[in-house]
Amino acid sequence: MGLLSRFSRGQLRLNRIEAFSDGVFAIVVTLLVLELKVPELHNHQSVSELYRRLLELSPKFLSWLISFIIVCKFWLNHHHILALARHADYALVWLNSLFLMFQSFVPFPTALMGEYPENPLAVSFFGCVLAFNTLFFMLLHAYILRRLLKPEMEGTQDPRIITKSFIGPVVYLAGAGMAWLNVHAAFLAYLLTPLFFITPPGPGPALEVTREVSEA
């Protein structure tokens, strides 16, 4: 218990954590695009050959697009939840670091899926990584809501938001399972999943009631 209690200590400045996190996000989106290589042509003036090579690259373009949207969605929601915290403690720092660890790993399953789009294992592995990534983000979010929420934010957050967030890992894992039946269905599941949280969640029911009363 003594070791665990140490993680709840510390009042660290959030701006350092935000700066570090933004740096990781920036590197991740940069690494994603580095997998898109200019194709080599035997005949540099051949339009048809270039067209065929670009078509061959379409799975890589699609995997890049999916991952870019997912990473941007994570960045936006990450910015939102850190703004809810009054300060950071050691537990928040390590939960955030574990989340960023999986986030920095995203370029690898993205490249794997883009290189082997017809391989069920490659496509399924992508979904599994994103499911774990989402779970660590949910842990970070839940910890802030339970331990570090700003006093003025009390009652403004949806009490069911963590439960609702399970739709992310569930759909990613469903996509991972689909990959063994139809890789195209898995790609579609991965593409649609970020749309559930394309913007941060709205205020909780308590705040909505307060607004309705004040506007009446």
C-alpha atoms as a PDB file:
ATOM      1  CA  MET A   1       0.000   0.000   0.000  1.00  0.00           C
ATOM      2  CA  GLY A   2       2.917   2.312   0.718  1.00  0.00           C
ATOM      3  CA  LEU A   3       4.156   1.969  -2.838  1.00  0.00           C
ATOM      4  CA  LEU A   4       0.684   2.555  -4.283  1.00  0.00           C
ATOM      5  CA  SER A   5       0.117   5.615  -2.113  1.00  0.00           C
ATOM      6  CA  ARG A   6       3.267   7.185  -3.542  1.00  0.00           C
ATOM      7  CA  PHE A   7       1.614   7.359  -6.961  1.00  0.00           C
ATOM      8  CA  SER A   8      -1.110   9.667  -5.630  1.00  0.00           C
ATOM      9  CA  ARG A   9       1.494  12.168  -4.459  1.00  0.00           C
ATOM     10  CA  GLY A  10       2.922  15.125  -6.272  1.00  0.00           C
ATOM     11  CA  GLN A  11       1.335  18.206  -7.747  1.00  0.00           C
ATOM     12  CA  LEU A  12       3.015  18.391 -11.120  1.00  0.00           C
ATOM     13  CA  ARG A  13       2.321  21.020 -13.713  1.00  0.00           C
ATOM     14  CA  LEU A  14       0.085  19.845 -16.512  1.00  0.00           C
ATOM     15  CA  ASN A  15       1.786  22.008 -19.150  1.00  0.00           C
ATOM     16  CA  ARG A  16       4.880  19.775 -19.066  1.00  0.00           C
ATOM     17  CA  ILE A  17       2.732  16.666 -19.614  1.00  0.00           C
ATOM     18  CA  GLU A  18       0.770  18.361 -22.404  1.00  0.00           C
ATOM     19  CA  ALA A  19       3.970  19.450 -24.159  1.00  0.00           C
ATOM     20  CA  PHE A  20       5.484  15.968 -23.945  1.00  0.00           C
ATOM     21  CA  SER A  21       2.243  14.360 -25.146  1.00  0.00           C
ATOM     22  CA  ASP A  22       1.894  16.766 -28.067  1.00  0.00           C
ATOM     23  CA  GLY A  23       5.457  15.937 -29.081  1.00  0.00           C
ATOM     24  CA  VAL A  24       4.652  12.212 -29.131  1.00  0.00           C
ATOM     25  CA  PHE A  25       1.487  12.781 -31.161  1.00  0.00           C
ATOM     26  CA  ALA A  26       3.433  14.904 -33.656  1.00  0.00           C
ATOM     27  CA  ILE A  27       6.076  12.206 -34.094  1.00  0.00           C
ATOM     28  CA  VAL A  28       3.435   9.497 -34.518  1.00  0.00           C
ATOM     29  CA  VAL A  29       1.618  11.285 -37.362  1.00  0.00           C
ATOM     30  CA  THR A  30       4.979  11.984 -39.001  1.00  0.00           C
ATOM     31  CA  LEU A  31       6.016   8.325 -38.819  1.00  0.00           C
ATOM     32  CA  LEU A  32       2.676   7.283 -40.319  1.00  0.00           C
ATOM     33  CA  VAL A  33       3.266   9.187 -43.548  1.00  0.00           C
ATOM     34  CA  LEU A  34       6.851   7.955 -43.899  1.00  0.00           C
ATOM     35  CA  GLU A  35       5.482   4.552 -44.943  1.00  0.00           C
ATOM     36  CA  LEU A  36       4.123   6.103 -48.153  1.00  0.00           C
ATOM     37  CA  LYS A  37       7.060   5.650 -50.507  1.00  0.00           C
ATOM     38  CA  VAL A  38       7.173   7.023 -54.040  1.00  0.00           C
ATOM     39  CA  PRO A  39       6.925   3.995 -56.359  1.00  0.00           C
ATOM     40  CA  GLU A  40       9.833   3.137 -58.637  1.00  0.00           C
ATOM     41  CA  LEU A  41       9.040   2.961 -62.345  1.00  0.00           C
ATOM     42  CA  HIS A  42      10.857   1.113 -65.109  1.00  0.00           C
ATOM     43  CA  ASN A  43       9.602   3.717 -67.565  1.00  0.00           C
ATOM     44  CA  HIS A  44       9.517   7.118 -65.884  1.00  0.00           C
ATOM     45  CA  GLN A  45       7.214   8.505 -68.568  1.00  0.00           C
ATOM     46  CA  SER A  46       4.660   5.694 -68.434  1.00  0.00           C
ATOM     47  CA  VAL A  47       1.314   6.913 -67.115  1.00  0.00           C
ATOM     48  CA  SER A  48      -0.184   3.422 -67.085  1.00  0.00           C
ATOM     49  CA  GLU A  49       2.689   1.992 -65.049  1.00  0.00           C
ATOM     50  CA  LEU A  50       2.456   4.800 -62.503  1.00  0.00           C
ATOM     51  CA  TYR A  51      -1.300   4.298 -62.305  1.00  0.00           C
ATOM     52  CA  ARG A  52      -0.842   0.579 -61.578  1.00  0.00           C
ATOM     53  CA  ARG A  53       1.775   1.285 -58.923  1.00  0.00           C
ATOM     54  CA  LEU A  54      -0.468   3.849 -57.234  1.00  0.00           C
ATOM     55  CA  LEU A  55      -3.300   1.324 -57.186  1.00  0.00           C
ATOM     56  CA  GLU A  56      -0.954  -1.157 -55.537  1.00  0.00           C
ATOM     57  CA  LEU A  57      -0.284   1.456 -52.863  1.00  0.00           C
ATOM     58  CA  SER A  58      -3.989   2.036 -52.141  1.00  0.00           C
ATOM     59  CA  PRO A  59      -4.005  -0.271 -49.050  1.00  0.00           C
ATOM     60  CA  LYS A  60      -1.139   1.756 -47.600  1.00  0.00           C
ATOM     61  CA  PHE A  61      -3.002   5.002 -48.312  1.00  0.00           C
ATOM     62  CA  LEU A  62      -6.097   3.580 -46.623  1.00  0.00           C
ATOM     63  CA  SER A  63      -4.240   2.322 -43.542  1.00  0.00           C
ATOM     64  CA  TRP A  64      -2.490   5.709 -43.270  1.00  0.00           C
ATOM     65  CA  LEU A  65      -5.836   7.531 -43.503  1.00  0.00           C
ATOM     66  CA  ILE A  66      -7.448   5.322 -40.841  1.00  0.00           C
ATOM     67  CA  SER A  67      -4.551   5.715 -38.421  1.00  0.00           C
ATOM     68  CA  PHE A  68      -4.235   9.457 -39.006  1.00  0.00           C
ATOM     69  CA  ILE A  69      -7.909   9.998 -38.149  1.00  0.00           C
ATOM     70  CA  ILE A  70      -7.598   7.766 -35.082  1.00  0.00           C
ATOM     71  CA  VAL A  71      -4.483   9.555 -33.795  1.00  0.00           C
ATOM     72  CA  CYS A  72      -6.085  12.983 -34.338  1.00  0.00           C
ATOM     73  CA  LYS A  73      -9.196  11.787 -32.494  1.00  0.00           C
ATOM     74  CA  PHE A  74      -7.037  10.638 -29.594  1.00  0.00           C
ATOM     75  CA  TRP A  75      -5.147  13.947 -29.564  1.00  0.00           C
ATOM     76  CA  LEU A  76      -8.343  15.998 -29.412  1.00  0.00           C
ATOM     77  CA  ASN A  77      -9.896  13.911 -26.627  1.00  0.00           C
ATOM     78  CA  HIS A  78      -6.576  13.782 -24.757  1.00  0.00           C
ATOM     79  CA  HIS A  79      -6.482  17.586 -24.791  1.00  0.00           C
ATOM     80  CA  HIS A  80     -10.063  17.608 -23.470  1.00  0.00           C
ATOM     81  CA  ILE A  81      -9.498  15.265 -20.522  1.00  0.00           C
ATOM     82  CA  LEU A  82      -6.247  16.891 -19.377  1.00  0.00           C
ATOM     83  CA  ALA A  83      -8.137  20.192 -19.207  1.00  0.00           C
ATOM     84  CA  LEU A  84     -10.422  18.581 -16.610  1.00  0.00           C
ATOM     85  CA  ALA A  85      -7.572  17.923 -14.163  1.00  0.00           C
ATOM     86  CA  ARG A  86      -6.639  20.446 -11.461  1.00  0.00           C
ATOM     87  CA  HIS A  87      -3.040  19.194 -11.469  1.00  0.00           C
ATOM     88  CA  ALA A  88      -1.047  16.042 -12.214  1.00  0.00           C
ATOM     89  CA  ASP A  89       0.245  13.421  -9.828  1.00  0.00           C
ATOM     90  CA  TYR A  90       2.646  10.530 -10.409  1.00  0.00           C
ATOM     91  CA  ALA A  91      -0.167   8.097 -11.223  1.00  0.00           C
ATOM     92  CA  LEU A  92      -1.474  10.388 -13.959  1.00  0.00           C
ATOM     93  CA  VAL A  93       2.026  10.745 -15.398  1.00  0.00           C
ATOM     94  CA  TRP A  94       2.487   6.975 -15.620  1.00  0.00           C
ATOM     95  CA  LEU A  95      -1.011   6.286 -16.943  1.00  0.00           C
ATOM     96  CA  ASN A  96      -0.404   8.943 -19.575  1.00  0.00           C
ATOM     97  CA  SER A  97       2.980   7.407 -20.393  1.00  0.00           C
ATOM     98  CA  LEU A  98       1.447   3.950 -20.876  1.00  0.00           C
ATOM     99  CA  PHE A  99      -1.150   5.442 -23.188  1.00  0.00           C
ATOM    100  CA  LEU A 100       1.561   7.248 -25.163  1.00  0.00           C
ATOM    101  CA  MET A 101       3.603   4.046 -25.334  1.00  0.00           C
ATOM    102  CA  PHE A 102       0.816   2.322 -27.249  1.00  0.00           C
ATOM    103  CA  GLN A 103       0.194   5.475 -29.258  1.00  0.00           C
ATOM    104  CA  SER A 104       3.828   5.564 -30.385  1.00  0.00           C
ATOM    105  CA  PHE A 105       3.478   1.917 -31.465  1.00  0.00           C
ATOM    106  CA  VAL A 106       0.588   2.679 -33.866  1.00  0.00           C
ATOM    107  CA  PRO A 107       2.837   3.252 -36.937  1.00  0.00           C
ATOM    108  CA  PHE A 108       4.014  -0.383 -36.809  1.00  0.00           C
ATOM    109  CA  PRO A 109       0.597  -2.123 -37.076  1.00  0.00           C
ATOM    110  CA  THR A 110      -0.388   0.562 -39.594  1.00  0.00           C
ATOM    111  CA  ALA A 111       2.590  -0.303 -41.800  1.00  0.00           C
ATOM    112  CA  LEU A 112       1.978  -4.034 -41.299  1.00  0.00           C
ATOM    113  CA  MET A 113      -1.670  -3.747 -42.339  1.00  0.00           C
ATOM    114  CA  GLY A 114      -0.795  -1.558 -45.316  1.00  0.00           C
ATOM    115  CA  GLU A 115       1.900  -3.958 -46.512  1.00  0.00           C
ATOM    116  CA  TYR A 116      -0.179  -7.112 -46.066  1.00  0.00           C
ATOM    117  CA  PRO A 117      -3.825  -5.981 -46.426  1.00  0.00           C
ATOM    118  CA  GLU A 118      -5.042  -9.468 -47.349  1.00  0.00           C
ATOM    119  CA  ASN A 119      -3.348 -11.146 -44.386  1.00  0.00           C
ATOM    120  CA  PRO A 120      -5.908 -11.680 -41.573  1.00  0.00           C
ATOM    121  CA  LEU A 121      -3.245 -11.667 -38.863  1.00  0.00           C
ATOM    122  CA  ALA A 122      -1.832  -8.318 -39.991  1.00  0.00           C
ATOM    123  CA  VAL A 123      -5.288  -6.707 -40.154  1.00  0.00           C
ATOM    124  CA  SER A 124      -6.388  -8.288 -36.871  1.00  0.00           C
ATOM    125  CA  PHE A 125      -3.212  -7.172 -35.080  1.00  0.00           C
ATOM    126  CA  PHE A 126      -4.042  -3.550 -35.920  1.00  0.00           C
ATOM    127  CA  GLY A 127      -7.411  -3.815 -34.183  1.00  0.00           C
ATOM    128  CA  CYS A 128      -5.914  -5.434 -31.091  1.00  0.00           C
ATOM    129  CA  VAL A 129      -3.314  -2.670 -30.697  1.00  0.00           C
ATOM    130  CA  LEU A 130      -5.951   0.058 -31.036  1.00  0.00           C
ATOM    131  CA  ALA A 131      -8.204  -1.719 -28.527  1.00  0.00           C
ATOM    132  CA  PHE A 132      -5.429  -1.740 -25.910  1.00  0.00           C
ATOM    133  CA  ASN A 133      -4.585   1.869 -26.749  1.00  0.00           C
ATOM    134  CA  THR A 134      -8.205   2.878 -26.151  1.00  0.00           C
ATOM    135  CA  LEU A 135      -8.351   0.981 -22.856  1.00  0.00           C
ATOM    136  CA  PHE A 136      -5.325   2.858 -21.519  1.00  0.00           C
ATOM    137  CA  PHE A 137      -6.905   6.139 -22.616  1.00  0.00           C
ATOM    138  CA  MET A 138     -10.065   5.163 -20.724  1.00  0.00           C
ATOM    139  CA  LEU A 139      -8.016   4.398 -17.599  1.00  0.00           C
ATOM    140  CA  LEU A 140      -6.425   7.837 -17.849  1.00  0.00           C
ATOM    141  CA  HIS A 141      -9.823   9.480 -18.297  1.00  0.00           C
ATOM    142  CA  ALA A 142     -11.380   7.539 -15.397  1.00  0.00           C
ATOM    143  CA  TYR A 143      -8.489   8.400 -13.073  1.00  0.00           C
ATOM    144  CA  ILE A 144      -8.853  12.122 -13.772  1.00  0.00           C
ATOM    145  CA  LEU A 145     -12.616  12.000 -13.210  1.00  0.00           C
ATOM    146  CA  ARG A 146     -12.227  10.097  -9.937  1.00  0.00           C
ATOM    147  CA  ARG A 147      -9.135  11.665  -8.377  1.00  0.00           C
ATOM    148  CA  LEU A 148      -8.138  14.921 -10.084  1.00  0.00           C
ATOM    149  CA  LEU A 149     -11.282  16.596 -11.410  1.00  0.00           C
ATOM    150  CA  LYS A 150     -11.362  20.363 -10.940  1.00  0.00           C
ATOM    151  CA  PRO A 151     -13.910  21.400  -8.270  1.00  0.00           C
ATOM    152  CA  GLU A 152     -15.701  23.677 -10.724  1.00  0.00           C
ATOM    153  CA  MET A 153     -16.170  20.734 -13.100  1.00  0.00           C
ATOM    154  CA  GLU A 154     -18.095  18.646 -10.556  1.00  0.00           C
ATOM    155  CA  GLY A 155     -21.476  17.624 -11.962  1.00  0.00           C
ATOM    156  CA  THR A 156     -20.594  18.688 -15.499  1.00  0.00           C
ATOM    157  CA  GLN A 157     -19.342  15.305 -16.696  1.00  0.00           C
ATOM    158  CA  ASP A 158     -21.502  12.474 -17.967  1.00  0.00           C
ATOM    159  CA  PRO A 159     -21.303   9.775 -15.231  1.00  0.00           C
ATOM    160  CA  ARG A 160     -21.710   7.103 -17.925  1.00  0.00           C
ATOM    161  CA  ILE A 161     -18.932   8.378 -20.184  1.00  0.00           C
ATOM    162  CA  ILE A 162     -16.456   5.606 -19.298  1.00  0.00           C
ATOM    163  CA  THR A 163     -19.095   2.936 -19.898  1.00  0.00           C
ATOM    164  CA  LYS A 164     -19.982   4.547 -23.233  1.00  0.00           C
ATOM    165  CA  SER A 165     -16.287   4.623 -24.149  1.00  0.00           C
ATOM    166  CA  PHE A 166     -16.159   0.822 -24.186  1.00  0.00           C
ATOM    167  CA  ILE A 167     -17.705   1.009 -27.650  1.00  0.00           C
ATOM    168  CA  GLY A 168     -14.202   1.838 -28.912  1.00  0.00           C
ATOM    169  CA  PRO A 169     -12.279  -1.261 -27.784  1.00  0.00           C
ATOM    170  CA  VAL A 170     -15.315  -3.472 -28.451  1.00  0.00           C
ATOM    171  CA  VAL A 171     -15.568  -2.366 -32.085  1.00  0.00           C
ATOM    172  CA  TYR A 172     -11.791  -2.542 -32.582  1.00  0.00           C
ATOM    173  CA  LEU A 173     -11.795  -6.105 -31.253  1.00  0.00           C
ATOM    174  CA  ALA A 174     -14.831  -6.895 -33.399  1.00  0.00           C
ATOM    175  CA  GLY A 175     -12.858  -5.618 -36.392  1.00  0.00           C
ATOM    176  CA  ALA A 176      -9.934  -7.812 -35.348  1.00  0.00           C
ATOM    177  CA  GLY A 177     -12.290 -10.798 -35.353  1.00  0.00           C
ATOM    178  CA  MET A 178     -13.846  -9.801 -38.684  1.00  0.00           C
ATOM    179  CA  ALA A 179     -10.406  -9.806 -40.265  1.00  0.00           C
ATOM    180  CA  TRP A 180     -10.382 -13.605 -40.119  1.00  0.00           C
ATOM    181  CA  LEU A 181     -13.610 -13.703 -42.121  1.00  0.00           C
ATOM    182  CA  ASN A 182     -13.348 -10.646 -44.349  1.00  0.00           C
ATOM    183  CA  VAL A 183     -10.478  -8.152 -44.231  1.00  0.00           C
ATOM    184  CA  HIS A 184     -12.547  -5.520 -46.067  1.00  0.00           C
ATOM    185  CA  ALA A 185     -15.154  -5.567 -43.284  1.00  0.00           C
ATOM    186  CA  ALA A 186     -12.370  -5.088 -40.750  1.00  0.00           C
ATOM    187  CA  PHE A 187     -11.022  -2.064 -42.639  1.00  0.00           C
ATOM    188  CA  LEU A 188     -14.527  -0.574 -42.633  1.00  0.00           C
ATOM    189  CA  ALA A 189     -14.922  -1.160 -38.885  1.00  0.00           C
ATOM    190  CA  TYR A 190     -11.587   0.558 -38.200  1.00  0.00           C
ATOM    191  CA  LEU A 191     -12.558   3.497 -40.390  1.00  0.00           C
ATOM    192  CA  LEU A 192     -15.928   4.022 -38.700  1.00  0.00           C
ATOM    193  CA  THR A 193     -14.871   3.525 -35.071  1.00  0.00           C
ATOM    194  CA  PRO A 194     -13.243   6.987 -34.560  1.00  0.00           C
ATOM    195  CA  LEU A 195     -16.504   8.647 -35.597  1.00  0.00           C
ATOM    196  CA  PHE A 196     -18.062   7.707 -32.243  1.00  0.00           C
ATOM    197  CA  PHE A 197     -15.728  10.129 -30.470  1.00  0.00           C
ATOM    198  CA  ILE A 198     -14.680  12.426 -33.320  1.00  0.00           C
ATOM    199  CA  THR A 199     -15.325  15.298 -30.867  1.00  0.00           C
ATOM    200  CA  PRO A 200     -15.020  15.217 -27.052  1.00  0.00           C
ATOM    201  CA  PRO A 201     -18.132  14.161 -25.107  1.00  0.00           C
ATOM    202  CA  GLY A 202     -20.672  16.809 -24.180  1.00  0.00           C
ATOM    203  CA  PRO A 203     -21.675  17.879 -20.665  1.00  0.00           C
ATOM    204  CA  GLY A 204     -23.366  15.489 -18.289  1.00  0.00           C
ATOM    205  CA  PRO A 205     -27.087  15.354 -17.565  1.00  0.00           C
ATOM    206  CA  ALA A 206     -26.783  17.552 -14.469  1.00  0.00           C
ATOM    207  CA  LEU A 207     -25.354  20.452 -16.449  1.00  0.00           C
ATOM    208  CA  GLU A 208     -27.948  20.022 -19.188  1.00  0.00           C
ATOM    209  CA  VAL A 209     -30.755  20.271 -16.613  1.00  0.00           C
ATOM    210  CA  THR A 210     -29.175  23.391 -15.126  1.00  0.00           C
ATOM    211  CA  ARG A 211     -28.997  24.993 -18.551  1.00  0.00           C
ATOM    212  CA  GLU A 212     -32.603  24.171 -19.342  1.00  0.00           C
ATOM    213  CA  VAL A 213     -33.756  25.683 -16.037  1.00  0.00           C
ATOM    214  CA  SER A 214     -31.694  28.840 -16.557  1.00  0.00           C
ATOM    215  CA  GLU A 215     -33.014  29.272 -20.090  1.00  0.00           C
ATOM    216  CA  ALA A 216     -36.656  28.704 -19.099  1.00  0.00           C
END
